[in-house]
Amino acid sequence: MSEARVTLLDLAGEVVGSTLTAEDGSYAFTDLEGDHYTVVAAGYPAQATPLTLDATGPAAFDLMLAHNEG
């Protein structure tokens, strides 16, 4: 899903980063420390999901975004 806004929040609720998804629905945040975050996606029905990163390197995290049909 392209052009969904994905925002990353820290434990205090502060915005760590924000980006738009690419044509293929991909997005990336770089230079993150191992910590607990919340990923919020909007532009489709909003979705917020907790995420925990460790310090081992890149990690993938998928969100399923869709408009309600019906």
PDB file of N, CA and C in Angstrom:
ATOM      1  N   MET A   1       0.842  -1.172   0.000  1.00  0.00           N
ATOM      2  CA  MET A   1       0.000   0.000   0.000  1.00  0.00           C
ATOM      3  C   MET A   1       0.898   1.250   0.000  1.00  0.00           C
ATOM      4  N   SER A   2       0.852   2.006  -1.028  1.00  0.00           N
ATOM      5  CA  SER A   2       1.723   3.170  -1.121  1.00  0.00           C
ATOM      6  C   SER A   2       1.137   4.369  -0.392  1.00  0.00           C
ATOM      7  N   GLU A   3       2.031   5.213   0.051  1.00  0.00           N
ATOM      8  CA  GLU A   3       1.740   6.491   0.689  1.00  0.00           C
ATOM      9  C   GLU A   3       0.933   6.398   1.976  1.00  0.00           C
ATOM     10  N   ALA A   4       1.081   5.297   2.712  1.00  0.00           N
ATOM     11  CA  ALA A   4       0.569   5.252   4.075  1.00  0.00           C
ATOM     12  C   ALA A   4       1.626   5.919   4.948  1.00  0.00           C
ATOM     13  N   ARG A   5       1.225   6.701   5.919  1.00  0.00           N
ATOM     14  CA  ARG A   5       2.184   7.339   6.819  1.00  0.00           C
ATOM     15  C   ARG A   5       2.485   6.369   7.948  1.00  0.00           C
ATOM     16  N   VAL A   6       3.770   6.089   8.169  1.00  0.00           N
ATOM     17  CA  VAL A   6       4.217   5.218   9.247  1.00  0.00           C
ATOM     18  C   VAL A   6       5.041   6.069  10.200  1.00  0.00           C
ATOM     19  N   THR A   7       4.631   6.076  11.467  1.00  0.00           N
ATOM     20  CA  THR A   7       5.303   6.869  12.492  1.00  0.00           C
ATOM     21  C   THR A   7       5.814   5.935  13.569  1.00  0.00           C
ATOM     22  N   LEU A   8       7.012   6.186  14.050  1.00  0.00           N
ATOM     23  CA  LEU A   8       7.633   5.388  15.095  1.00  0.00           C
ATOM     24  C   LEU A   8       7.702   6.224  16.363  1.00  0.00           C
ATOM     25  N   LEU A   9       7.160   5.693  17.464  1.00  0.00           N
ATOM     26  CA  LEU A   9       7.148   6.382  18.751  1.00  0.00           C
ATOM     27  C   LEU A   9       8.018   5.637  19.746  1.00  0.00           C
ATOM     28  N   ASP A  10       8.678   6.378  20.660  1.00  0.00           N
ATOM     29  CA  ASP A  10       9.415   5.728  21.735  1.00  0.00           C
ATOM     30  C   ASP A  10       8.474   5.451  22.898  1.00  0.00           C
ATOM     31  N   LEU A  11       9.006   4.908  24.000  1.00  0.00           N
ATOM     32  CA  LEU A  11       8.172   4.562  25.152  1.00  0.00           C
ATOM     33  C   LEU A  11       7.464   5.759  25.771  1.00  0.00           C
ATOM     34  N   ALA A  12       8.045   6.940  25.633  1.00  0.00           N
ATOM     35  CA  ALA A  12       7.440   8.151  26.193  1.00  0.00           C
ATOM     36  C   ALA A  12       6.377   8.731  25.253  1.00  0.00           C
ATOM     37  N   GLY A  13       6.192   8.119  24.085  1.00  0.00           N
ATOM     38  CA  GLY A  13       5.219   8.626  23.121  1.00  0.00           C
ATOM     39  C   GLY A  13       5.774   9.705  22.214  1.00  0.00           C
ATOM     40  N   GLU A  14       7.080   9.933  22.286  1.00  0.00           N
ATOM     41  CA  GLU A  14       7.724  10.931  21.431  1.00  0.00           C
ATOM     42  C   GLU A  14       7.980  10.340  20.042  1.00  0.00           C
ATOM     43  N   VAL A  15       7.814  11.142  19.009  1.00  0.00           N
ATOM     44  CA  VAL A  15       8.049  10.698  17.639  1.00  0.00           C
ATOM     45  C   VAL A  15       9.548  10.528  17.413  1.00  0.00           C
ATOM     46  N   VAL A  16       9.937   9.325  17.000  1.00  0.00           N
ATOM     47  CA  VAL A  16      11.326   9.020  16.677  1.00  0.00           C
ATOM     48  C   VAL A  16      11.566   9.242  15.182  1.00  0.00           C
ATOM     49  N   GLY A  17      10.545   8.956  14.379  1.00  0.00           N
ATOM     50  CA  GLY A  17      10.655   9.147  12.936  1.00  0.00           C
ATOM     51  C   GLY A  17       9.308   8.959  12.283  1.00  0.00           C
ATOM     52  N   SER A  18       9.196   9.446  11.065  1.00  0.00           N
ATOM     53  CA  SER A  18       7.964   9.326  10.302  1.00  0.00           C
ATOM     54  C   SER A  18       8.332   9.244   8.831  1.00  0.00           C
ATOM     55  N   THR A  19       7.616   8.412   8.078  1.00  0.00           N
ATOM     56  CA  THR A  19       7.901   8.240   6.656  1.00  0.00           C
ATOM     57  C   THR A  19       6.637   7.800   5.935  1.00  0.00           C
ATOM     58  N   LEU A  20       6.665   7.862   4.620  1.00  0.00           N
ATOM     59  CA  LEU A  20       5.581   7.335   3.796  1.00  0.00           C
ATOM     60  C   LEU A  20       6.029   6.017   3.179  1.00  0.00           C
ATOM     61  N   THR A  21       5.101   5.085   3.017  1.00  0.00           N
ATOM     62  CA  THR A  21       5.444   3.825   2.372  1.00  0.00           C
ATOM     63  C   THR A  21       5.671   4.045   0.877  1.00  0.00           C
ATOM     64  N   ALA A  22       6.523   3.204   0.323  1.00  0.00           N
ATOM     65  CA  ALA A  22       6.833   3.245  -1.109  1.00  0.00           C
ATOM     66  C   ALA A  22       5.710   2.570  -1.893  1.00  0.00           C
ATOM     67  N   GLU A  23       5.831   2.576  -3.202  1.00  0.00           N
ATOM     68  CA  GLU A  23       4.843   1.970  -4.097  1.00  0.00           C
ATOM     69  C   GLU A  23       4.556   0.517  -3.725  1.00  0.00           C
ATOM     70  N   ASP A  24       5.589  -0.218  -3.292  1.00  0.00           N
ATOM     71  CA  ASP A  24       5.411  -1.627  -2.920  1.00  0.00           C
ATOM     72  C   ASP A  24       5.000  -1.812  -1.460  1.00  0.00           C
ATOM     73  N   GLY A  25       4.762  -0.706  -0.749  1.00  0.00           N
ATOM     74  CA  GLY A  25       4.348  -0.770   0.645  1.00  0.00           C
ATOM     75  C   GLY A  25       5.497  -0.816   1.639  1.00  0.00           C
ATOM     76  N   SER A  26       6.724  -0.796   1.153  1.00  0.00           N
ATOM     77  CA  SER A  26       7.877  -0.876   2.053  1.00  0.00           C
ATOM     78  C   SER A  26       8.152   0.472   2.710  1.00  0.00           C
ATOM     79  N   TYR A  27       8.799   0.406   3.857  1.00  0.00           N
ATOM     80  CA  TYR A  27       9.234   1.598   4.584  1.00  0.00           C
ATOM     81  C   TYR A  27      10.443   1.212   5.409  1.00  0.00           C
ATOM     82  N   ALA A  28      11.217   2.190   5.854  1.00  0.00           N
ATOM     83  CA  ALA A  28      12.397   1.894   6.661  1.00  0.00           C
ATOM     84  C   ALA A  28      12.695   3.048   7.604  1.00  0.00           C
ATOM     85  N   PHE A  29      13.186   2.693   8.784  1.00  0.00           N
ATOM     86  CA  PHE A  29      13.761   3.639   9.735  1.00  0.00           C
ATOM     87  C   PHE A  29      15.181   3.160   9.971  1.00  0.00           C
ATOM     88  N   THR A  30      16.127   4.082  10.025  1.00  0.00           N
ATOM     89  CA  THR A  30      17.527   3.703  10.208  1.00  0.00           C
ATOM     90  C   THR A  30      18.066   4.281  11.505  1.00  0.00           C
ATOM     91  N   ASP A  31      19.216   3.777  11.916  1.00  0.00           N
ATOM     92  CA  ASP A  31      19.934   4.258  13.095  1.00  0.00           C
ATOM     93  C   ASP A  31      19.101   4.168  14.368  1.00  0.00           C
ATOM     94  N   LEU A  32      18.357   3.063  14.537  1.00  0.00           N
ATOM     95  CA  LEU A  32      17.555   2.863  15.748  1.00  0.00           C
ATOM     96  C   LEU A  32      18.345   2.068  16.769  1.00  0.00           C
ATOM     97  N   GLU A  33      18.161   2.416  18.027  1.00  0.00           N
ATOM     98  CA  GLU A  33      18.774   1.665  19.107  1.00  0.00           C
ATOM     99  C   GLU A  33      17.827   0.544  19.518  1.00  0.00           C
ATOM    100  N   GLY A  34      18.382  -0.529  20.080  1.00  0.00           N
ATOM    101  CA  GLY A  34      17.550  -1.587  20.627  1.00  0.00           C
ATOM    102  C   GLY A  34      16.676  -1.009  21.723  1.00  0.00           C
ATOM    103  N   ASP A  35      15.375  -1.113  21.598  1.00  0.00           N
ATOM    104  CA  ASP A  35      14.451  -0.505  22.561  1.00  0.00           C
ATOM    105  C   ASP A  35      13.039  -0.951  22.227  1.00  0.00           C
ATOM    106  N   HIS A  36      12.082  -0.464  22.977  1.00  0.00           N
ATOM    107  CA  HIS A  36      10.669  -0.718  22.729  1.00  0.00           C
ATOM    108  C   HIS A  36      10.090   0.487  21.996  1.00  0.00           C
ATOM    109  N   TYR A  37       9.337   0.230  20.939  1.00  0.00           N
ATOM    110  CA  TYR A  37       8.739   1.281  20.135  1.00  0.00           C
ATOM    111  C   TYR A  37       7.279   0.935  19.866  1.00  0.00           C
ATOM    112  N   THR A  38       6.537   1.910  19.370  1.00  0.00           N
ATOM    113  CA  THR A  38       5.203   1.678  18.834  1.00  0.00           C
ATOM    114  C   THR A  38       5.209   2.154  17.398  1.00  0.00           C
ATOM    115  N   VAL A  39       4.728   1.297  16.507  1.00  0.00           N
ATOM    116  CA  VAL A  39       4.618   1.631  15.094  1.00  0.00           C
ATOM    117  C   VAL A  39       3.164   2.004  14.826  1.00  0.00           C
ATOM    118  N   VAL A  40       2.946   3.208  14.288  1.00  0.00           N
ATOM    119  CA  VAL A  40       1.599   3.688  13.985  1.00  0.00           C
ATOM    120  C   VAL A  40       1.503   3.906  12.490  1.00  0.00           C
ATOM    121  N   ALA A  41       0.494   3.301  11.867  1.00  0.00           N
ATOM    122  CA  ALA A  41       0.286   3.472  10.428  1.00  0.00           C
ATOM    123  C   ALA A  41      -1.041   4.177  10.214  1.00  0.00           C
ATOM    124  N   ALA A  42      -1.068   5.157   9.311  1.00  0.00           N
ATOM    125  CA  ALA A  42      -2.284   5.910   9.010  1.00  0.00           C
ATOM    126  C   ALA A  42      -2.366   6.135   7.502  1.00  0.00           C
ATOM    127  N   GLY A  43      -3.524   6.551   7.038  1.00  0.00           N
ATOM    128  CA  GLY A  43      -3.758   6.725   5.616  1.00  0.00           C
ATOM    129  C   GLY A  43      -4.714   5.645   5.158  1.00  0.00           C
ATOM    130  N   TYR A  44      -4.822   4.657   5.945  1.00  0.00           N
ATOM    131  CA  TYR A  44      -5.780   3.568   5.868  1.00  0.00           C
ATOM    132  C   TYR A  44      -6.337   3.532   7.280  1.00  0.00           C
ATOM    133  N   PRO A  45      -7.306   2.693   7.597  1.00  0.00           N
ATOM    134  CA  PRO A  45      -7.722   2.672   9.003  1.00  0.00           C
ATOM    135  C   PRO A  45      -6.487   2.547   9.903  1.00  0.00           C
ATOM    136  N   ALA A  46      -6.355   3.469  10.861  1.00  0.00           N
ATOM    137  CA  ALA A  46      -5.143   3.553  11.690  1.00  0.00           C
ATOM    138  C   ALA A  46      -4.892   2.257  12.436  1.00  0.00           C
ATOM    139  N   GLN A  47      -3.620   1.962  12.617  1.00  0.00           N
ATOM    140  CA  GLN A  47      -3.186   0.766  13.312  1.00  0.00           C
ATOM    141  C   GLN A  47      -1.945   1.112  14.110  1.00  0.00           C
ATOM    142  N   ALA A  48      -1.906   0.720  15.376  1.00  0.00           N
ATOM    143  CA  ALA A  48      -0.729   0.933  16.214  1.00  0.00           C
ATOM    144  C   ALA A  48      -0.336  -0.416  16.800  1.00  0.00           C
ATOM    145  N   THR A  49       0.947  -0.768  16.683  1.00  0.00           N
ATOM    146  CA  THR A  49       1.426  -2.067  17.104  1.00  0.00           C
ATOM    147  C   THR A  49       2.736  -1.910  17.856  1.00  0.00           C
ATOM    148  N   PRO A  50       2.888  -2.570  19.037  1.00  0.00           N
ATOM    149  CA  PRO A  50       4.162  -2.499  19.755  1.00  0.00           C
ATOM    150  C   PRO A  50       5.263  -3.259  19.009  1.00  0.00           C
ATOM    151  N   LEU A  51       6.484  -2.800  19.167  1.00  0.00           N
ATOM    152  CA  LEU A  51       7.644  -3.392  18.502  1.00  0.00           C
ATOM    153  C   LEU A  51       8.824  -3.312  19.455  1.00  0.00           C
ATOM    154  N   THR A  52       9.539  -4.419  19.622  1.00  0.00           N
ATOM    155  CA  THR A  52      10.757  -4.434  20.426  1.00  0.00           C
ATOM    156  C   THR A  52      11.922  -4.792  19.513  1.00  0.00           C
ATOM    157  N   LEU A  53      12.959  -3.959  19.503  1.00  0.00           N
ATOM    158  CA  LEU A  53      14.156  -4.203  18.711  1.00  0.00           C
ATOM    159  C   LEU A  53      15.302  -4.562  19.634  1.00  0.00           C
ATOM    160  N   ASP A  54      16.147  -5.497  19.189  1.00  0.00           N
ATOM    161  CA  ASP A  54      17.383  -5.729  19.907  1.00  0.00           C
ATOM    162  C   ASP A  54      18.507  -5.098  19.100  1.00  0.00           C
ATOM    163  N   ALA A  55      19.713  -5.231  19.543  1.00  0.00           N
ATOM    164  CA  ALA A  55      20.828  -4.543  18.884  1.00  0.00           C
ATOM    165  C   ALA A  55      21.555  -5.438  17.890  1.00  0.00           C
ATOM    166  N   THR A  56      20.900  -6.472  17.361  1.00  0.00           N
ATOM    167  CA  THR A  56      21.588  -7.412  16.479  1.00  0.00           C
ATOM    168  C   THR A  56      21.616  -6.987  15.021  1.00  0.00           C
ATOM    169  N   GLY A  57      20.910  -5.949  14.652  1.00  0.00           N
ATOM    170  CA  GLY A  57      20.958  -5.483  13.271  1.00  0.00           C
ATOM    171  C   GLY A  57      19.579  -5.287  12.688  1.00  0.00           C
ATOM    172  N   PRO A  58      19.480  -5.225  11.352  1.00  0.00           N
ATOM    173  CA  PRO A  58      18.202  -4.948  10.691  1.00  0.00           C
ATOM    174  C   PRO A  58      17.115  -5.945  11.078  1.00  0.00           C
ATOM    175  N   ALA A  59      15.898  -5.448  11.154  1.00  0.00           N
ATOM    176  CA  ALA A  59      14.749  -6.292  11.466  1.00  0.00           C
ATOM    177  C   ALA A  59      13.594  -5.893  10.558  1.00  0.00           C
ATOM    178  N   ALA A  60      12.780  -6.852  10.185  1.00  0.00           N
ATOM    179  CA  ALA A  60      11.597  -6.582   9.372  1.00  0.00           C
ATOM    180  C   ALA A  60      10.369  -6.584  10.268  1.00  0.00           C
ATOM    181  N   PHE A  61       9.417  -5.724   9.939  1.00  0.00           N
ATOM    182  CA  PHE A  61       8.179  -5.637  10.704  1.00  0.00           C
ATOM    183  C   PHE A  61       7.073  -5.290   9.717  1.00  0.00           C
ATOM    184  N   ASP A  62       6.129  -6.188   9.550  1.00  0.00           N
ATOM    185  CA  ASP A  62       5.056  -5.994   8.587  1.00  0.00           C
ATOM    186  C   ASP A  62       3.772  -5.534   9.270  1.00  0.00           C
ATOM    187  N   LEU A  63       3.070  -4.622   8.626  1.00  0.00           N
ATOM    188  CA  LEU A  63       1.741  -4.184   9.041  1.00  0.00           C
ATOM    189  C   LEU A  63       0.775  -4.511   7.919  1.00  0.00           C
ATOM    190  N   MET A  64      -0.395  -4.990   8.246  1.00  0.00           N
ATOM    191  CA  MET A  64      -1.418  -5.262   7.238  1.00  0.00           C
ATOM    192  C   MET A  64      -2.366  -4.080   7.207  1.00  0.00           C
ATOM    193  N   LEU A  65      -2.370  -3.329   6.112  1.00  0.00           N
ATOM    194  CA  LEU A  65      -3.223  -2.159   5.960  1.00  0.00           C
ATOM    195  C   LEU A  65      -4.234  -2.417   4.859  1.00  0.00           C
ATOM    196  N   ALA A  66      -5.477  -2.066   5.121  1.00  0.00           N
ATOM    197  CA  ALA A  66      -6.528  -2.242   4.116  1.00  0.00           C
ATOM    198  C   ALA A  66      -7.708  -1.358   4.464  1.00  0.00           C
ATOM    199  N   HIS A  67      -8.450  -0.981   3.453  1.00  0.00           N
ATOM    200  CA  HIS A  67      -9.708  -0.274   3.671  1.00  0.00           C
ATOM    201  C   HIS A  67     -10.794  -1.300   3.934  1.00  0.00           C
ATOM    202  N   ASN A  68     -11.705  -0.989   4.841  1.00  0.00           N
ATOM    203  CA  ASN A  68     -12.828  -1.880   5.104  1.00  0.00           C
ATOM    204  C   ASN A  68     -13.705  -1.961   3.876  1.00  0.00           C
ATOM    205  N   GLU A  69     -14.077  -3.156   3.505  1.00  0.00           N
ATOM    206  CA  GLU A  69     -14.977  -3.338   2.370  1.00  0.00           C
ATOM    207  C   GLU A  69     -16.338  -3.721   2.896  1.00  0.00           C
ATOM    208  N   GLY A  70     -17.357  -3.096   2.394  1.00  0.00           N
ATOM    209  CA  GLY A  70     -18.681  -3.484   2.831  1.00  0.00           C
ATOM    210  C   GLY A  70     -19.486  -2.335   3.125  1.00  0.00           C
TER     211      GLY A  70
END
